[in-house]
Amino acid sequence: MNKIYEQYNQWKERRKSWFWKLFLSGVNGIIATFITIFSIIEKIEIPTFKIGVIIVLGIYCFTVMVSIGVWAFYSFKMKQIRDKLD
């Protein structure tokens, strides 16, 4: 029984650490990209720059989505362990 509780707590800690690392890096990237867009985009008329900004913004949005997926995966694993207790 103690082993199952230990597994549950390990998955819980992993979920917290990975979610916040990925989520905050994605959100910080999105904020930084928007600051870049609003401070520089008016001065630069290079279409490839605008495409690059869109790609970078997409990568950061993908990072946020992956963090939500990590949260869901770890929650699923924790639910499986809780079901063993019943």
N, C-alpha and C. Protein backbone atom coordinates (compact mmCIF):
# COMPACT_ATOMS: atom_id res chain seq x y z
N MET A 1 0.82 -1.19 0.00
CA MET A 1 0.00 0.00 0.00
C MET A 1 0.87 1.26 0.00
N ASN A 2 1.93 1.26 0.79
CA ASN A 2 2.82 2.42 0.83
C ASN A 2 3.48 2.66 -0.52
N LYS A 3 3.78 1.56 -1.22
CA LYS A 3 4.43 1.69 -2.52
C LYS A 3 3.51 2.42 -3.51
N ILE A 4 2.22 2.13 -3.44
CA ILE A 4 1.27 2.79 -4.33
C ILE A 4 1.18 4.28 -4.01
N TYR A 5 1.18 4.62 -2.72
CA TYR A 5 1.16 6.04 -2.33
C TYR A 5 2.42 6.76 -2.80
N GLU A 6 3.56 6.07 -2.73
CA GLU A 6 4.81 6.66 -3.20
C GLU A 6 4.75 6.93 -4.70
N GLN A 7 4.22 5.96 -5.46
CA GLN A 7 4.08 6.14 -6.90
C GLN A 7 3.18 7.33 -7.21
N TYR A 8 2.09 7.42 -6.50
CA TYR A 8 1.13 8.51 -6.71
C TYR A 8 1.80 9.86 -6.47
N ASN A 9 2.53 9.96 -5.38
CA ASN A 9 3.20 11.23 -5.06
C ASN A 9 4.28 11.57 -6.07
N GLN A 10 4.98 10.54 -6.59
CA GLN A 10 5.99 10.80 -7.61
C GLN A 10 5.36 11.37 -8.88
N TRP A 11 4.26 10.76 -9.32
CA TRP A 11 3.57 11.25 -10.51
C TRP A 11 3.04 12.67 -10.28
N LYS A 12 2.58 12.94 -9.07
CA LYS A 12 2.05 14.27 -8.75
C LYS A 12 3.15 15.33 -8.85
N GLU A 13 4.32 15.01 -8.31
CA GLU A 13 5.44 15.96 -8.37
C GLU A 13 5.91 16.16 -9.80
N ARG A 14 6.00 15.07 -10.57
CA ARG A 14 6.41 15.20 -11.97
C ARG A 14 5.43 16.08 -12.73
N ARG A 15 4.14 15.88 -12.48
CA ARG A 15 3.12 16.66 -13.18
C ARG A 15 3.31 18.14 -12.91
N LYS A 16 3.50 18.49 -11.64
CA LYS A 16 3.66 19.90 -11.29
C LYS A 16 4.89 20.50 -11.95
N SER A 17 6.02 19.80 -11.85
CA SER A 17 7.26 20.39 -12.34
C SER A 17 7.25 20.54 -13.86
N TRP A 18 6.85 19.52 -14.59
CA TRP A 18 6.85 19.60 -16.05
C TRP A 18 5.82 20.57 -16.57
N PHE A 19 4.64 20.58 -15.99
CA PHE A 19 3.60 21.49 -16.47
C PHE A 19 4.06 22.93 -16.34
N TRP A 20 4.55 23.30 -15.17
CA TRP A 20 4.91 24.70 -14.97
C TRP A 20 6.11 25.10 -15.80
N LYS A 21 7.07 24.20 -15.99
CA LYS A 21 8.23 24.54 -16.83
C LYS A 21 7.78 24.83 -18.26
N LEU A 22 6.99 23.92 -18.83
CA LEU A 22 6.55 24.10 -20.21
C LEU A 22 5.58 25.26 -20.36
N PHE A 23 4.61 25.33 -19.46
CA PHE A 23 3.58 26.36 -19.57
C PHE A 23 4.17 27.75 -19.46
N LEU A 24 5.01 27.97 -18.45
CA LEU A 24 5.57 29.30 -18.26
C LEU A 24 6.54 29.69 -19.37
N SER A 25 7.30 28.72 -19.89
CA SER A 25 8.19 29.06 -21.00
C SER A 25 7.38 29.43 -22.24
N GLY A 26 6.27 28.73 -22.47
CA GLY A 26 5.42 29.08 -23.60
C GLY A 26 4.77 30.44 -23.45
N VAL A 27 4.24 30.72 -22.27
CA VAL A 27 3.58 32.01 -22.04
C VAL A 27 4.59 33.15 -22.11
N ASN A 28 5.77 32.95 -21.54
CA ASN A 28 6.81 33.99 -21.62
C ASN A 28 7.19 34.25 -23.07
N GLY A 29 7.28 33.18 -23.84
CA GLY A 29 7.61 33.35 -25.26
C GLY A 29 6.54 34.11 -26.02
N ILE A 30 5.29 33.81 -25.72
CA ILE A 30 4.18 34.50 -26.39
C ILE A 30 4.21 35.99 -26.04
N ILE A 31 4.41 36.30 -24.78
CA ILE A 31 4.47 37.71 -24.35
C ILE A 31 5.65 38.42 -25.01
N ALA A 32 6.81 37.77 -25.03
CA ALA A 32 7.99 38.38 -25.65
C ALA A 32 7.77 38.60 -27.15
N THR A 33 7.11 37.65 -27.80
CA THR A 33 6.84 37.79 -29.23
C THR A 33 5.90 38.97 -29.49
N PHE A 34 4.87 39.12 -28.67
CA PHE A 34 3.95 40.24 -28.86
C PHE A 34 4.65 41.58 -28.60
N ILE A 35 5.52 41.63 -27.62
CA ILE A 35 6.28 42.86 -27.37
C ILE A 35 7.15 43.18 -28.58
N THR A 36 7.78 42.15 -29.13
CA THR A 36 8.61 42.35 -30.33
C THR A 36 7.76 42.84 -31.50
N ILE A 37 6.60 42.22 -31.66
CA ILE A 37 5.73 42.61 -32.78
C ILE A 37 5.35 44.08 -32.67
N PHE A 38 4.90 44.51 -31.51
CA PHE A 38 4.40 45.87 -31.38
C PHE A 38 5.50 46.92 -31.34
N SER A 39 6.71 46.55 -30.97
CA SER A 39 7.78 47.55 -30.92
C SER A 39 8.56 47.64 -32.23
N ILE A 40 8.62 46.56 -32.98
CA ILE A 40 9.47 46.55 -34.17
C ILE A 40 8.69 46.49 -35.47
N ILE A 41 7.55 45.87 -35.48
CA ILE A 41 6.87 45.53 -36.74
C ILE A 41 6.50 46.77 -37.56
N GLU A 42 6.27 47.89 -36.92
CA GLU A 42 5.92 49.10 -37.66
C GLU A 42 7.11 49.63 -38.46
N LYS A 43 8.31 49.41 -37.96
CA LYS A 43 9.50 49.95 -38.60
C LYS A 43 10.02 49.04 -39.71
N ILE A 44 9.72 47.75 -39.64
CA ILE A 44 10.27 46.80 -40.59
C ILE A 44 9.19 46.36 -41.57
N GLU A 45 9.50 46.46 -42.84
CA GLU A 45 8.55 46.06 -43.87
C GLU A 45 9.03 44.80 -44.60
N ILE A 46 9.75 43.94 -43.92
CA ILE A 46 10.26 42.72 -44.53
C ILE A 46 9.23 41.61 -44.32
N PRO A 47 8.71 41.03 -45.41
CA PRO A 47 7.68 40.00 -45.24
C PRO A 47 8.21 38.74 -44.56
N THR A 48 9.48 38.41 -44.78
CA THR A 48 10.02 37.20 -44.13
C THR A 48 10.11 37.38 -42.63
N PHE A 49 10.31 38.60 -42.17
CA PHE A 49 10.33 38.85 -40.72
C PHE A 49 8.96 38.55 -40.12
N LYS A 50 7.92 39.00 -40.81
CA LYS A 50 6.57 38.76 -40.31
C LYS A 50 6.26 37.27 -40.30
N ILE A 51 6.71 36.55 -41.32
CA ILE A 51 6.51 35.10 -41.36
C ILE A 51 7.27 34.44 -40.22
N GLY A 52 8.48 34.91 -39.96
CA GLY A 52 9.28 34.36 -38.86
C GLY A 52 8.62 34.58 -37.51
N VAL A 53 8.04 35.76 -37.33
CA VAL A 53 7.34 36.05 -36.07
C VAL A 53 6.15 35.12 -35.90
N ILE A 54 5.42 34.88 -36.98
CA ILE A 54 4.27 33.97 -36.91
C ILE A 54 4.73 32.56 -36.57
N ILE A 55 5.84 32.12 -37.15
CA ILE A 55 6.36 30.78 -36.86
C ILE A 55 6.78 30.67 -35.39
N VAL A 56 7.49 31.67 -34.89
CA VAL A 56 7.93 31.65 -33.49
C VAL A 56 6.72 31.65 -32.56
N LEU A 57 5.73 32.47 -32.86
CA LEU A 57 4.52 32.51 -32.05
C LEU A 57 3.81 31.16 -32.07
N GLY A 58 3.80 30.51 -33.22
CA GLY A 58 3.21 29.18 -33.33
C GLY A 58 3.95 28.16 -32.49
N ILE A 59 5.27 28.24 -32.46
CA ILE A 59 6.06 27.31 -31.64
C ILE A 59 5.73 27.50 -30.17
N TYR A 60 5.63 28.73 -29.71
CA TYR A 60 5.32 28.97 -28.30
C TYR A 60 3.90 28.53 -27.96
N CYS A 61 2.96 28.74 -28.88
CA CYS A 61 1.59 28.25 -28.64
C CYS A 61 1.58 26.73 -28.57
N PHE A 62 2.39 26.10 -29.41
CA PHE A 62 2.51 24.64 -29.37
C PHE A 62 3.07 24.19 -28.02
N THR A 63 4.04 24.93 -27.48
CA THR A 63 4.60 24.60 -26.17
C THR A 63 3.54 24.65 -25.09
N VAL A 64 2.66 25.64 -25.15
CA VAL A 64 1.57 25.72 -24.17
C VAL A 64 0.64 24.52 -24.32
N MET A 65 0.33 24.14 -25.57
CA MET A 65 -0.54 22.98 -25.78
C MET A 65 0.10 21.70 -25.28
N VAL A 66 1.41 21.56 -25.48
CA VAL A 66 2.12 20.37 -24.99
C VAL A 66 2.08 20.33 -23.47
N SER A 67 2.21 21.48 -22.82
CA SER A 67 2.15 21.50 -21.35
C SER A 67 0.79 21.03 -20.85
N ILE A 68 -0.27 21.40 -21.55
CA ILE A 68 -1.61 20.94 -21.16
C ILE A 68 -1.72 19.44 -21.38
N GLY A 69 -1.12 18.94 -22.46
CA GLY A 69 -1.09 17.50 -22.70
C GLY A 69 -0.32 16.74 -21.64
N VAL A 70 0.80 17.31 -21.20
CA VAL A 70 1.59 16.69 -20.12
C VAL A 70 0.76 16.63 -18.85
N TRP A 71 0.05 17.71 -18.54
CA TRP A 71 -0.81 17.73 -17.35
C TRP A 71 -1.86 16.62 -17.44
N ALA A 72 -2.47 16.48 -18.61
CA ALA A 72 -3.51 15.46 -18.78
C ALA A 72 -2.92 14.05 -18.67
N PHE A 73 -1.74 13.83 -19.24
CA PHE A 73 -1.11 12.52 -19.18
C PHE A 73 -0.80 12.13 -17.74
N TYR A 74 -0.18 13.04 -17.00
CA TYR A 74 0.15 12.74 -15.61
C TYR A 74 -1.10 12.57 -14.76
N SER A 75 -2.13 13.34 -15.05
CA SER A 75 -3.39 13.17 -14.32
C SER A 75 -3.99 11.79 -14.59
N PHE A 76 -3.89 11.33 -15.83
CA PHE A 76 -4.38 10.00 -16.18
C PHE A 76 -3.60 8.92 -15.43
N LYS A 77 -2.27 9.06 -15.37
CA LYS A 77 -1.45 8.09 -14.64
C LYS A 77 -1.80 8.09 -13.16
N MET A 78 -2.05 9.27 -12.60
CA MET A 78 -2.41 9.35 -11.19
C MET A 78 -3.77 8.70 -10.95
N LYS A 79 -4.68 8.85 -11.90
CA LYS A 79 -5.99 8.22 -11.77
C LYS A 79 -5.86 6.69 -11.79
N GLN A 80 -4.98 6.18 -12.65
CA GLN A 80 -4.75 4.74 -12.69
C GLN A 80 -4.23 4.23 -11.35
N ILE A 81 -3.33 4.97 -10.74
CA ILE A 81 -2.78 4.56 -9.44
C ILE A 81 -3.86 4.63 -8.37
N ARG A 82 -4.68 5.68 -8.40
CA ARG A 82 -5.78 5.78 -7.43
C ARG A 82 -6.76 4.62 -7.58
N ASP A 83 -6.99 4.19 -8.83
CA ASP A 83 -7.91 3.07 -9.06
C ASP A 83 -7.37 1.78 -8.47
N LYS A 84 -6.06 1.65 -8.39
CA LYS A 84 -5.45 0.46 -7.77
C LYS A 84 -5.77 0.41 -6.28
N LEU A 85 -5.93 1.57 -5.68
CA LEU A 85 -6.20 1.62 -4.24
C LEU A 85 -7.61 1.12 -3.91
N ASP A 86 -8.52 1.27 -4.86
CA ASP A 86 -9.92 0.86 -4.60
C ASP A 86 -10.11 -0.63 -4.62
